[in-house]
């Protein structure tokens, strides 16, 4: 994988579980763009390690870690359905620590994912879902070649009488 500006993108290791959990908890606490709420999230380090292991054991899935100066600052997971007719697809989710956003880390993670997907003999379509209010992420995905293929209208209920669309995007690789 690549390295520049003291940034490294690499495949996750079990030892990353604690840092990945910390980032997820930080992002959840922002209460902006994730479906899961802080009180719903009950993952343990052991559970995270088991989850990482399950992804790394599947040739159609991956977890990528972004490090800057040897500190884990973001991660991306790509998951593929366990169905023969859907095996050519998969979707990703990504989290970058707030202090490190806007520095190209998400772009690098997605770029490495797309490189991995192109090299994977099974994966043909990379998908994602994003809150319609997450305009920065949508702009990044569009810049990376993702196309909106649909919306789930008022899919996410943020609070009483406040809803957000789930924007579905994809890119063929």
N, C-alpha and C. Protein backbone atom coordinates (compact mmCIF):
# COMPACT_ATOMS: atom_id res chain seq x y z
N UNK A 1 0.84 -1.18 0.00
CA UNK A 1 0.00 0.00 0.00
C UNK A 1 0.89 1.25 0.00
N UNK A 2 0.28 2.40 -0.16
CA UNK A 2 1.01 3.65 -0.36
C UNK A 2 1.43 4.33 0.94
N UNK A 3 2.42 5.20 0.81
CA UNK A 3 2.81 6.01 1.96
C UNK A 3 3.28 7.37 1.48
N UNK A 4 2.68 8.43 2.01
CA UNK A 4 3.16 9.79 1.77
C UNK A 4 2.62 10.69 2.87
N UNK A 5 3.30 11.82 3.09
CA UNK A 5 2.89 12.73 4.17
C UNK A 5 2.72 11.99 5.50
N UNK A 6 3.62 11.08 5.79
CA UNK A 6 3.55 10.28 7.01
C UNK A 6 2.22 9.54 7.14
N UNK A 7 1.51 9.34 6.01
CA UNK A 7 0.25 8.60 6.05
C UNK A 7 0.44 7.26 5.39
N UNK A 8 -0.12 6.25 6.03
CA UNK A 8 -0.04 4.89 5.53
C UNK A 8 -1.44 4.29 5.53
N UNK A 9 -1.77 3.60 4.45
CA UNK A 9 -3.03 2.85 4.39
C UNK A 9 -2.63 1.38 4.35
N UNK A 10 -3.20 0.60 5.25
CA UNK A 10 -2.86 -0.82 5.34
C UNK A 10 -4.08 -1.63 5.75
N UNK A 11 -3.96 -2.94 5.61
CA UNK A 11 -5.02 -3.85 6.05
C UNK A 11 -5.02 -3.90 7.57
N UNK A 12 -6.20 -3.99 8.15
CA UNK A 12 -6.33 -4.02 9.61
C UNK A 12 -5.69 -5.26 10.21
N UNK A 13 -5.31 -5.13 11.47
CA UNK A 13 -4.80 -6.24 12.27
C UNK A 13 -5.65 -6.32 13.54
N UNK A 14 -5.61 -7.47 14.18
CA UNK A 14 -6.38 -7.63 15.43
C UNK A 14 -5.97 -6.59 16.46
N UNK A 15 -4.72 -6.20 16.46
CA UNK A 15 -4.21 -5.21 17.41
C UNK A 15 -4.84 -3.82 17.21
N UNK A 16 -5.52 -3.60 16.08
CA UNK A 16 -6.16 -2.32 15.80
C UNK A 16 -7.53 -2.18 16.47
N UNK A 17 -8.04 -3.26 17.03
CA UNK A 17 -9.42 -3.28 17.55
C UNK A 17 -9.70 -2.12 18.51
N UNK A 18 -8.82 -1.89 19.46
CA UNK A 18 -9.06 -0.84 20.47
C UNK A 18 -9.14 0.55 19.82
N UNK A 19 -8.20 0.86 18.94
CA UNK A 19 -8.20 2.18 18.27
C UNK A 19 -9.42 2.33 17.37
N UNK A 20 -9.79 1.26 16.68
CA UNK A 20 -10.98 1.31 15.82
C UNK A 20 -12.22 1.60 16.65
N UNK A 21 -12.35 0.94 17.81
CA UNK A 21 -13.48 1.17 18.71
C UNK A 21 -13.50 2.62 19.19
N UNK A 22 -12.34 3.15 19.54
CA UNK A 22 -12.26 4.54 20.01
C UNK A 22 -12.75 5.50 18.93
N UNK A 23 -12.31 5.27 17.70
CA UNK A 23 -12.75 6.14 16.59
C UNK A 23 -14.25 6.01 16.40
N UNK A 24 -14.76 4.79 16.42
CA UNK A 24 -16.20 4.59 16.23
C UNK A 24 -16.99 5.29 17.34
N UNK A 25 -16.52 5.19 18.58
CA UNK A 25 -17.22 5.86 19.69
C UNK A 25 -17.17 7.38 19.54
N UNK A 26 -16.04 7.92 19.10
CA UNK A 26 -15.94 9.37 18.86
C UNK A 26 -16.93 9.82 17.79
N UNK A 27 -16.97 9.07 16.68
CA UNK A 27 -17.86 9.44 15.57
C UNK A 27 -19.32 9.28 15.99
N UNK A 28 -19.64 8.22 16.71
CA UNK A 28 -21.01 8.04 17.21
C UNK A 28 -21.42 9.20 18.12
N UNK A 29 -20.51 9.65 18.95
CA UNK A 29 -20.82 10.74 19.89
C UNK A 29 -21.17 12.04 19.19
N UNK A 30 -20.73 12.19 17.93
CA UNK A 30 -21.07 13.40 17.17
C UNK A 30 -22.56 13.42 16.82
N UNK A 31 -23.19 12.25 16.77
CA UNK A 31 -24.61 12.10 16.47
C UNK A 31 -25.04 12.80 15.19
N UNK A 32 -24.18 12.69 14.15
CA UNK A 32 -24.49 13.37 12.90
C UNK A 32 -24.88 12.45 11.76
N UNK A 33 -24.04 11.48 11.45
CA UNK A 33 -24.20 10.76 10.19
C UNK A 33 -24.21 9.24 10.30
N UNK A 34 -24.45 8.71 11.48
CA UNK A 34 -24.51 7.26 11.63
C UNK A 34 -25.89 6.82 12.12
N UNK A 35 -26.32 5.67 11.65
CA UNK A 35 -27.63 5.14 12.05
C UNK A 35 -27.60 4.70 13.50
N UNK A 36 -26.51 4.07 13.92
CA UNK A 36 -26.39 3.58 15.29
C UNK A 36 -26.21 4.76 16.25
N UNK A 37 -26.88 4.69 17.39
CA UNK A 37 -26.71 5.72 18.41
C UNK A 37 -25.68 5.25 19.44
N UNK A 38 -25.15 6.19 20.19
CA UNK A 38 -24.13 5.88 21.19
C UNK A 38 -24.64 4.84 22.18
N UNK A 39 -25.88 4.99 22.66
CA UNK A 39 -26.41 4.06 23.66
C UNK A 39 -26.66 2.67 23.09
N UNK A 40 -26.85 2.56 21.79
CA UNK A 40 -27.05 1.24 21.16
C UNK A 40 -25.76 0.48 20.96
N UNK A 41 -24.66 1.20 20.87
CA UNK A 41 -23.38 0.59 20.52
C UNK A 41 -22.74 -0.05 21.74
N UNK A 42 -22.64 -1.36 21.75
CA UNK A 42 -22.15 -2.10 22.92
C UNK A 42 -20.93 -2.96 22.60
N UNK A 43 -20.21 -2.67 21.54
CA UNK A 43 -19.10 -3.51 21.11
C UNK A 43 -17.96 -3.51 22.14
N UNK A 44 -17.36 -4.68 22.33
CA UNK A 44 -16.20 -4.83 23.21
C UNK A 44 -14.95 -4.99 22.33
N UNK A 45 -13.78 -4.88 22.94
CA UNK A 45 -12.54 -5.10 22.20
C UNK A 45 -12.50 -6.52 21.66
N UNK A 46 -12.91 -7.49 22.48
CA UNK A 46 -12.93 -8.89 22.04
C UNK A 46 -13.90 -9.08 20.88
N UNK A 47 -15.05 -8.44 20.96
CA UNK A 47 -16.03 -8.53 19.88
C UNK A 47 -15.51 -7.88 18.61
N UNK A 48 -14.82 -6.76 18.76
CA UNK A 48 -14.23 -6.07 17.61
C UNK A 48 -13.15 -6.95 16.97
N UNK A 49 -12.35 -7.61 17.79
CA UNK A 49 -11.31 -8.49 17.26
C UNK A 49 -11.93 -9.65 16.48
N UNK A 50 -12.99 -10.22 17.00
CA UNK A 50 -13.67 -11.32 16.30
C UNK A 50 -14.25 -10.83 14.97
N UNK A 51 -14.80 -9.62 14.98
CA UNK A 51 -15.37 -9.02 13.77
C UNK A 51 -14.26 -8.79 12.73
N UNK A 52 -13.14 -8.22 13.17
CA UNK A 52 -11.99 -8.00 12.27
C UNK A 52 -11.55 -9.33 11.67
N UNK A 53 -11.41 -10.34 12.52
CA UNK A 53 -10.97 -11.66 12.06
C UNK A 53 -11.92 -12.22 11.01
N UNK A 54 -13.22 -12.04 11.21
CA UNK A 54 -14.20 -12.58 10.25
C UNK A 54 -14.09 -11.87 8.89
N UNK A 55 -13.81 -10.59 8.89
CA UNK A 55 -13.65 -9.85 7.64
C UNK A 55 -12.36 -10.26 6.93
N UNK A 56 -11.28 -10.39 7.68
CA UNK A 56 -10.00 -10.74 7.08
C UNK A 56 -9.98 -12.18 6.56
N UNK A 57 -10.84 -13.03 7.12
CA UNK A 57 -10.90 -14.43 6.69
C UNK A 57 -11.72 -14.59 5.41
N UNK A 58 -12.43 -13.55 4.99
CA UNK A 58 -13.29 -13.61 3.81
C UNK A 58 -12.58 -12.88 2.66
N UNK A 59 -12.33 -13.59 1.57
CA UNK A 59 -11.63 -13.00 0.43
C UNK A 59 -12.39 -11.87 -0.25
N UNK A 60 -13.67 -11.75 0.04
CA UNK A 60 -14.51 -10.73 -0.60
C UNK A 60 -14.76 -9.53 0.31
N UNK A 61 -14.07 -9.49 1.44
CA UNK A 61 -14.24 -8.39 2.39
C UNK A 61 -12.87 -7.91 2.84
N UNK A 62 -12.83 -6.67 3.31
CA UNK A 62 -11.56 -6.14 3.82
C UNK A 62 -11.83 -5.01 4.81
N UNK A 63 -10.84 -4.73 5.61
CA UNK A 63 -10.83 -3.56 6.49
C UNK A 63 -9.50 -2.86 6.26
N UNK A 64 -9.56 -1.58 5.97
CA UNK A 64 -8.36 -0.78 5.75
C UNK A 64 -8.21 0.23 6.87
N UNK A 65 -6.97 0.43 7.27
CA UNK A 65 -6.62 1.35 8.36
C UNK A 65 -5.82 2.52 7.78
N UNK A 66 -6.16 3.73 8.20
CA UNK A 66 -5.37 4.91 7.85
C UNK A 66 -4.57 5.31 9.08
N UNK A 67 -3.26 5.41 8.89
CA UNK A 67 -2.37 5.84 9.97
C UNK A 67 -1.65 7.11 9.54
N UNK A 68 -1.54 8.04 10.45
CA UNK A 68 -0.68 9.21 10.23
C UNK A 68 0.29 9.24 11.40
N UNK A 69 1.58 9.25 11.06
CA UNK A 69 2.63 9.22 12.09
C UNK A 69 2.40 8.07 13.07
N UNK A 70 2.08 6.89 12.54
CA UNK A 70 1.86 5.66 13.32
C UNK A 70 0.65 5.71 14.24
N UNK A 71 -0.23 6.69 14.07
CA UNK A 71 -1.46 6.76 14.86
C UNK A 71 -2.64 6.41 13.95
N UNK A 72 -3.51 5.50 14.41
CA UNK A 72 -4.70 5.14 13.64
C UNK A 72 -5.66 6.33 13.68
N UNK A 73 -5.98 6.88 12.49
CA UNK A 73 -6.83 8.07 12.42
C UNK A 73 -8.13 7.83 11.65
N UNK A 74 -8.26 6.65 11.04
CA UNK A 74 -9.48 6.33 10.32
C UNK A 74 -9.46 4.90 9.84
N UNK A 75 -10.64 4.43 9.44
CA UNK A 75 -10.73 3.08 8.91
C UNK A 75 -11.94 2.94 8.00
N UNK A 76 -11.87 1.92 7.18
CA UNK A 76 -12.92 1.63 6.20
C UNK A 76 -13.14 0.12 6.20
N UNK A 77 -14.41 -0.28 6.19
CA UNK A 77 -14.74 -1.70 6.08
C UNK A 77 -15.56 -1.92 4.81
N UNK A 78 -15.24 -2.96 4.09
CA UNK A 78 -16.00 -3.37 2.90
C UNK A 78 -16.56 -4.75 3.20
N UNK A 79 -17.89 -4.86 3.09
CA UNK A 79 -18.58 -6.10 3.39
C UNK A 79 -19.39 -6.55 2.18
N UNK A 80 -19.36 -7.85 1.94
CA UNK A 80 -20.05 -8.42 0.79
C UNK A 80 -21.14 -9.38 1.27
N UNK A 81 -22.30 -9.36 0.61
CA UNK A 81 -23.38 -10.27 1.03
C UNK A 81 -22.98 -11.73 0.84
N UNK A 82 -23.49 -12.59 1.69
CA UNK A 82 -23.19 -14.01 1.62
C UNK A 82 -24.24 -14.73 0.76
N UNK A 83 -24.44 -14.20 -0.43
CA UNK A 83 -25.40 -14.77 -1.37
C UNK A 83 -24.75 -14.82 -2.74
N UNK A 84 -24.87 -15.95 -3.43
CA UNK A 84 -24.21 -16.16 -4.71
C UNK A 84 -24.55 -15.05 -5.72
N UNK A 85 -25.81 -14.67 -5.81
CA UNK A 85 -26.23 -13.69 -6.80
C UNK A 85 -25.87 -12.25 -6.43
N UNK A 86 -25.39 -12.05 -5.22
CA UNK A 86 -24.98 -10.72 -4.78
C UNK A 86 -23.48 -10.64 -4.49
N UNK A 87 -22.79 -11.75 -4.67
CA UNK A 87 -21.37 -11.82 -4.29
C UNK A 87 -20.50 -10.84 -5.06
N UNK A 88 -20.96 -10.39 -6.22
CA UNK A 88 -20.17 -9.43 -7.02
C UNK A 88 -20.27 -8.00 -6.46
N UNK A 89 -21.07 -7.82 -5.42
CA UNK A 89 -21.29 -6.50 -4.84
C UNK A 89 -20.76 -6.46 -3.41
N UNK A 90 -20.74 -5.29 -2.88
CA UNK A 90 -20.41 -5.09 -1.47
C UNK A 90 -20.57 -3.62 -1.15
N UNK A 91 -20.65 -3.32 0.12
CA UNK A 91 -20.78 -1.92 0.52
C UNK A 91 -19.74 -1.59 1.57
N UNK A 92 -19.43 -0.31 1.64
CA UNK A 92 -18.42 0.10 2.61
C UNK A 92 -18.95 1.18 3.53
N UNK A 93 -18.32 1.25 4.68
CA UNK A 93 -18.53 2.30 5.65
C UNK A 93 -17.16 2.80 6.06
N UNK A 94 -17.09 4.07 6.42
CA UNK A 94 -15.79 4.66 6.71
C UNK A 94 -15.92 5.63 7.87
N UNK A 95 -14.89 5.69 8.70
CA UNK A 95 -14.84 6.63 9.82
C UNK A 95 -13.46 7.25 9.89
N UNK A 96 -13.43 8.58 9.99
CA UNK A 96 -12.18 9.31 10.15
C UNK A 96 -12.35 10.22 11.36
N UNK A 97 -11.35 10.22 12.22
CA UNK A 97 -11.41 11.09 13.40
C UNK A 97 -11.63 12.54 12.97
N UNK A 98 -12.45 13.23 13.73
CA UNK A 98 -12.86 14.60 13.40
C UNK A 98 -11.66 15.52 13.12
N UNK A 99 -10.63 15.43 13.94
CA UNK A 99 -9.46 16.30 13.79
C UNK A 99 -8.69 16.05 12.50
N UNK A 100 -8.95 14.94 11.84
CA UNK A 100 -8.19 14.56 10.65
C UNK A 100 -9.01 14.65 9.36
N UNK A 101 -10.25 15.10 9.47
CA UNK A 101 -11.08 15.21 8.27
C UNK A 101 -10.62 16.38 7.41
N UNK A 102 -10.91 16.27 6.11
CA UNK A 102 -10.54 17.33 5.18
C UNK A 102 -9.07 17.30 4.79
N UNK A 103 -8.37 16.21 5.11
CA UNK A 103 -6.94 16.10 4.81
C UNK A 103 -6.65 15.02 3.77
N UNK A 104 -7.70 14.51 3.12
CA UNK A 104 -7.51 13.51 2.08
C UNK A 104 -7.46 12.07 2.56
N UNK A 105 -7.72 11.85 3.84
CA UNK A 105 -7.65 10.49 4.38
C UNK A 105 -8.78 9.63 3.82
N UNK A 106 -10.00 10.15 3.79
CA UNK A 106 -11.11 9.40 3.20
C UNK A 106 -10.86 9.08 1.74
N UNK A 107 -10.32 10.04 1.02
CA UNK A 107 -10.01 9.83 -0.40
C UNK A 107 -8.98 8.71 -0.56
N UNK A 108 -7.98 8.71 0.29
CA UNK A 108 -6.95 7.66 0.22
C UNK A 108 -7.53 6.29 0.57
N UNK A 109 -8.36 6.23 1.62
CA UNK A 109 -8.98 4.96 2.00
C UNK A 109 -9.84 4.42 0.85
N UNK A 110 -10.66 5.28 0.26
CA UNK A 110 -11.52 4.84 -0.85
C UNK A 110 -10.68 4.44 -2.05
N UNK A 111 -9.63 5.19 -2.33
CA UNK A 111 -8.75 4.84 -3.44
C UNK A 111 -8.13 3.46 -3.26
N UNK A 112 -7.67 3.15 -2.05
CA UNK A 112 -7.12 1.82 -1.77
C UNK A 112 -8.20 0.75 -1.87
N UNK A 113 -9.41 1.07 -1.40
CA UNK A 113 -10.51 0.10 -1.53
C UNK A 113 -10.78 -0.21 -3.00
N UNK A 114 -10.84 0.83 -3.83
CA UNK A 114 -11.12 0.62 -5.25
C UNK A 114 -10.00 -0.17 -5.92
N UNK A 115 -8.75 0.08 -5.55
CA UNK A 115 -7.63 -0.70 -6.07
C UNK A 115 -7.79 -2.17 -5.68
N UNK A 116 -8.14 -2.41 -4.42
CA UNK A 116 -8.38 -3.78 -3.92
C UNK A 116 -9.52 -4.43 -4.69
N UNK A 117 -10.62 -3.68 -4.88
CA UNK A 117 -11.80 -4.22 -5.55
C UNK A 117 -11.51 -4.59 -7.01
N UNK A 118 -10.76 -3.74 -7.71
CA UNK A 118 -10.38 -4.02 -9.10
C UNK A 118 -9.56 -5.31 -9.17
N UNK A 119 -8.68 -5.51 -8.21
CA UNK A 119 -7.83 -6.70 -8.19
C UNK A 119 -8.57 -7.96 -7.72
N UNK A 120 -9.71 -7.78 -7.07
CA UNK A 120 -10.48 -8.91 -6.57
C UNK A 120 -11.27 -9.52 -7.72
N UNK A 121 -11.10 -10.83 -7.98
CA UNK A 121 -11.76 -11.43 -9.15
C UNK A 121 -13.29 -11.51 -9.04
N UNK A 122 -13.85 -11.28 -7.88
CA UNK A 122 -15.29 -11.42 -7.69
C UNK A 122 -16.01 -10.06 -7.67
N UNK A 123 -15.41 -9.06 -7.03
CA UNK A 123 -16.09 -7.78 -6.80
C UNK A 123 -16.18 -6.97 -8.09
N UNK A 124 -17.39 -6.55 -8.44
CA UNK A 124 -17.64 -5.74 -9.63
C UNK A 124 -18.31 -4.40 -9.30
N UNK A 125 -19.00 -4.35 -8.16
CA UNK A 125 -19.78 -3.17 -7.81
C UNK A 125 -19.54 -2.82 -6.35
N UNK A 126 -19.10 -1.58 -6.11
CA UNK A 126 -18.85 -1.08 -4.76
C UNK A 126 -19.97 -0.10 -4.44
N UNK A 127 -20.64 -0.32 -3.32
CA UNK A 127 -21.81 0.47 -2.94
C UNK A 127 -21.61 1.15 -1.59
N UNK A 128 -22.49 2.10 -1.31
CA UNK A 128 -22.51 2.75 -0.01
C UNK A 128 -23.87 3.41 0.19
N UNK A 129 -24.16 3.70 1.43
CA UNK A 129 -25.32 4.50 1.80
C UNK A 129 -24.81 5.67 2.61
N UNK A 130 -25.37 6.85 2.38
CA UNK A 130 -24.90 8.05 3.07
C UNK A 130 -26.08 8.96 3.39
N UNK A 131 -26.05 9.57 4.56
CA UNK A 131 -27.10 10.52 4.93
C UNK A 131 -27.14 11.65 3.90
N UNK A 132 -28.32 12.06 3.48
CA UNK A 132 -28.44 13.15 2.51
C UNK A 132 -27.89 14.46 3.07
N UNK A 133 -27.78 14.57 4.37
CA UNK A 133 -27.25 15.78 5.00
C UNK A 133 -25.71 15.80 5.04
N UNK A 134 -25.09 14.69 4.70
CA UNK A 134 -23.62 14.58 4.74
C UNK A 134 -23.05 15.03 3.39
N UNK A 135 -23.19 16.32 3.11
CA UNK A 135 -22.83 16.86 1.79
C UNK A 135 -21.34 16.74 1.48
N UNK A 136 -20.50 16.83 2.49
CA UNK A 136 -19.06 16.68 2.28
C UNK A 136 -18.72 15.28 1.80
N UNK A 137 -19.31 14.28 2.44
CA UNK A 137 -19.06 12.89 2.03
C UNK A 137 -19.61 12.64 0.63
N UNK A 138 -20.80 13.13 0.35
CA UNK A 138 -21.40 12.93 -0.98
C UNK A 138 -20.52 13.54 -2.06
N UNK A 139 -19.99 14.73 -1.80
CA UNK A 139 -19.09 15.38 -2.77
C UNK A 139 -17.84 14.53 -2.99
N UNK A 140 -17.28 13.97 -1.92
CA UNK A 140 -16.11 13.11 -2.04
C UNK A 140 -16.44 11.88 -2.87
N UNK A 141 -17.55 11.24 -2.57
CA UNK A 141 -17.92 10.02 -3.30
C UNK A 141 -18.13 10.33 -4.79
N UNK A 142 -18.77 11.44 -5.09
CA UNK A 142 -18.97 11.82 -6.49
C UNK A 142 -17.62 12.06 -7.18
N UNK A 143 -16.71 12.74 -6.48
CA UNK A 143 -15.38 13.00 -7.02
C UNK A 143 -14.63 11.70 -7.30
N UNK A 144 -14.93 10.67 -6.50
CA UNK A 144 -14.28 9.36 -6.66
C UNK A 144 -15.00 8.48 -7.70
N UNK A 145 -16.04 9.05 -8.35
CA UNK A 145 -16.72 8.33 -9.42
C UNK A 145 -17.97 7.58 -9.02
N UNK A 146 -18.44 7.77 -7.80
CA UNK A 146 -19.68 7.12 -7.37
C UNK A 146 -20.89 7.88 -7.91
N UNK A 147 -21.93 7.13 -8.23
CA UNK A 147 -23.15 7.68 -8.82
C UNK A 147 -24.32 7.35 -7.91
N UNK A 148 -25.21 8.31 -7.72
CA UNK A 148 -26.42 8.04 -6.94
C UNK A 148 -27.32 7.12 -7.74
N UNK A 149 -27.74 6.01 -7.12
CA UNK A 149 -28.63 5.09 -7.81
C UNK A 149 -30.02 5.06 -7.19
N UNK A 150 -30.20 5.76 -6.10
CA UNK A 150 -31.52 5.81 -5.49
C UNK A 150 -31.45 6.43 -4.12
N UNK A 151 -32.64 6.59 -3.54
CA UNK A 151 -32.77 7.15 -2.20
C UNK A 151 -33.86 6.41 -1.46
N UNK A 152 -33.61 6.21 -0.19
CA UNK A 152 -34.67 5.75 0.69
C UNK A 152 -35.14 7.01 1.41
N UNK A 153 -36.30 7.48 1.01
CA UNK A 153 -36.84 8.75 1.50
C UNK A 153 -37.23 8.63 2.99
N UNK A 154 -36.79 9.62 3.76
CA UNK A 154 -37.07 9.67 5.20
C UNK A 154 -36.74 8.35 5.89
N UNK A 155 -35.66 7.72 5.47
CA UNK A 155 -35.26 6.41 5.99
C UNK A 155 -34.75 6.51 7.42
N UNK A 156 -34.09 7.61 7.75
CA UNK A 156 -33.49 7.77 9.07
C UNK A 156 -34.28 8.83 9.84
N UNK A 157 -34.75 8.43 11.02
CA UNK A 157 -35.47 9.38 11.88
C UNK A 157 -34.47 9.89 12.92
N UNK A 158 -34.08 11.16 12.74
CA UNK A 158 -33.07 11.76 13.61
C UNK A 158 -33.67 12.10 14.97
N UNK A 159 -34.86 12.67 14.95
CA UNK A 159 -35.63 12.97 16.17
C UNK A 159 -37.07 13.19 15.73
N UNK A 160 -37.94 13.48 16.65
CA UNK A 160 -39.35 13.68 16.30
C UNK A 160 -39.50 14.67 15.15
N UNK A 161 -40.23 14.27 14.14
CA UNK A 161 -40.52 15.09 12.96
C UNK A 161 -39.28 15.57 12.19
N UNK A 162 -38.16 14.87 12.35
CA UNK A 162 -36.96 15.21 11.60
C UNK A 162 -36.37 13.94 10.98
N UNK A 163 -36.38 13.91 9.65
CA UNK A 163 -35.95 12.73 8.92
C UNK A 163 -34.85 13.09 7.93
N UNK A 164 -34.07 12.06 7.54
CA UNK A 164 -33.01 12.22 6.58
C UNK A 164 -33.14 11.09 5.56
N UNK A 165 -32.88 11.41 4.30
CA UNK A 165 -32.88 10.37 3.26
C UNK A 165 -31.57 9.59 3.33
N UNK A 166 -31.64 8.30 2.99
CA UNK A 166 -30.46 7.46 2.83
C UNK A 166 -30.15 7.46 1.33
N UNK A 167 -29.04 8.09 0.95
CA UNK A 167 -28.65 8.18 -0.46
C UNK A 167 -27.81 6.95 -0.79
N UNK A 168 -28.26 6.19 -1.79
CA UNK A 168 -27.58 4.97 -2.21
C UNK A 168 -26.70 5.30 -3.41
N UNK A 169 -25.42 4.97 -3.32
CA UNK A 169 -24.47 5.28 -4.38
C UNK A 169 -23.69 4.03 -4.75
N UNK A 170 -23.13 4.01 -5.97
CA UNK A 170 -22.36 2.86 -6.42
C UNK A 170 -21.29 3.28 -7.41
N UNK A 171 -20.35 2.36 -7.61
CA UNK A 171 -19.34 2.51 -8.66
C UNK A 171 -19.00 1.11 -9.16
N UNK A 172 -19.03 0.94 -10.47
CA UNK A 172 -18.60 -0.33 -11.06
C UNK A 172 -17.08 -0.31 -11.15
N UNK A 173 -16.44 -1.44 -10.85
CA UNK A 173 -14.98 -1.49 -10.89
C UNK A 173 -14.50 -2.51 -11.92
